[in-house]
Structures are given as C-alpha cells and as structure tokens.
Amino acid sequence: MSVVRSMQVLGSQLRRRRRLLGLSQAAVGELTSLRQATISSLENGDGGTLESIFAVLSALKLEIELLERSNGGDDLGTIF
C-alpha cells in the first residue's frame, strides 16, 4: 500500500484492494450494508462519512495508521 494524502488516493487504493480480493462493488456493499453507489463514490474520491470509510476498510481487511507527515504538511491545499 501507499501513503494516502487525499480522497482520490484513498479511493484508488480501495478499488485496488477490492479488485485484488475479487470483490465487486455490490459485494462490498452487501458486506458493509452500504449502497453500491456509495462504494463507487468512495472509490472515485468523492468522499464519504468516516463511518462509511471505516466500514469499507474493515470489509477489505485494511486499517489506517496515523503518521506524522514527512514534509511538514502545512499546506491543506494539497489534501483537498
């Protein structure tokens, strides 16, 4: 996996993992009780609730680890 600093990167990593596990968006939706459209939005980097994000992470057997940014990360413009 890679360092995630934006919703777009998170979405692409979720899609990559889902495909690696051989799951469809609908299957992840069933595992999480979320609509397929919600899974699609997350994978497209459109955002979502933290609850939705954590549900998908759990379904895909992923977790988040918080690290101090290596470049200081004071520019919020690079995140959003």
Protein backbone atom coordinates (compact mmCIF):
# COMPACT_ATOMS: atom_id res chain seq x y z
CA MET A 1 0.00 0.00 0.00
CA SER A 2 0.98 3.60 -0.25
CA VAL A 3 0.76 6.79 1.75
CA VAL A 4 -2.73 8.27 1.41
CA ARG A 5 -2.95 12.05 1.47
CA SER A 6 -6.18 12.65 -0.43
CA MET A 7 -9.59 11.14 -1.00
CA GLN A 8 -8.58 10.37 -4.60
CA VAL A 9 -5.61 8.28 -3.45
CA LEU A 10 -7.73 6.58 -0.78
CA GLY A 11 -10.35 5.77 -3.39
CA SER A 12 -7.86 4.27 -5.81
CA GLN A 13 -6.35 2.16 -3.01
CA LEU A 14 -9.80 0.90 -2.00
CA ARG A 15 -10.55 -0.02 -5.62
CA ARG A 16 -7.18 -1.76 -5.99
CA ARG A 17 -7.72 -3.80 -2.83
CA ARG A 18 -11.32 -4.69 -3.74
CA ARG A 19 -10.21 -5.98 -7.12
CA LEU A 20 -7.30 -7.87 -5.55
CA LEU A 21 -9.80 -9.66 -3.33
CA GLY A 22 -12.01 -10.40 -6.34
CA LEU A 23 -14.99 -8.49 -4.98
CA SER A 24 -17.49 -6.40 -6.88
CA GLN A 25 -18.69 -3.05 -5.57
CA ALA A 26 -22.05 -4.69 -4.92
CA ALA A 27 -20.39 -7.41 -2.84
CA VAL A 28 -18.59 -4.81 -0.72
CA GLY A 29 -21.91 -3.00 -0.38
CA GLU A 30 -23.51 -6.17 0.95
CA LEU A 31 -20.67 -6.71 3.43
CA THR A 32 -20.98 -3.15 4.71
CA SER A 33 -24.72 -2.51 4.34
CA LEU A 34 -23.83 0.38 2.02
CA ARG A 35 -25.23 1.01 -1.43
CA GLN A 36 -23.09 0.11 -4.44
CA ALA A 37 -23.28 3.79 -5.41
CA THR A 38 -21.64 4.71 -2.10
CA ILE A 39 -18.79 2.28 -2.75
CA SER A 40 -18.38 3.78 -6.22
CA SER A 41 -18.29 7.32 -4.80
CA LEU A 42 -15.63 6.36 -2.27
CA GLU A 43 -13.52 4.72 -4.97
CA ASN A 44 -13.85 7.83 -7.14
CA GLY A 45 -12.54 10.01 -4.31
CA ASP A 46 -15.84 11.82 -3.85
CA GLY A 47 -15.66 11.46 -0.10
CA GLY A 48 -17.99 9.83 2.34
CA THR A 49 -18.66 9.64 6.01
CA LEU A 50 -15.95 8.33 8.28
CA GLU A 51 -18.36 5.58 9.26
CA SER A 52 -18.66 4.50 5.61
CA ILE A 53 -14.92 4.68 5.05
CA PHE A 54 -14.19 2.57 8.13
CA ALA A 55 -16.86 0.03 7.14
CA VAL A 56 -15.26 -0.40 3.73
CA LEU A 57 -11.77 -0.58 5.24
CA SER A 58 -12.96 -3.32 7.56
CA ALA A 59 -14.65 -5.26 4.75
CA LEU A 60 -11.44 -5.07 2.71
CA LYS A 61 -9.34 -6.09 5.74
CA LEU A 62 -7.49 -2.78 5.84
CA GLU A 63 -6.73 -0.33 8.62
CA ILE A 64 -5.49 3.21 8.97
CA GLU A 65 -2.23 4.07 10.71
CA LEU A 66 -1.60 7.72 11.57
CA LEU A 67 1.90 9.01 10.94
CA GLU A 68 3.47 12.42 11.17
CA ARG A 69 3.81 13.85 7.67
CA SER A 70 7.34 13.65 6.37
CA ASN A 71 7.19 17.02 4.60
CA GLY A 72 5.58 19.00 7.41
CA GLY A 73 2.20 19.01 5.67
CA ASP A 74 1.17 22.57 6.48
CA ASP A 75 -0.46 23.15 3.09
CA LEU A 76 -4.08 21.99 3.34
CA GLY A 77 -4.46 22.72 -0.37
CA THR A 78 -2.52 19.54 -1.13
CA ILE A 79 -5.04 17.48 0.83
CA PHE A 80 -8.33 18.76 -0.60
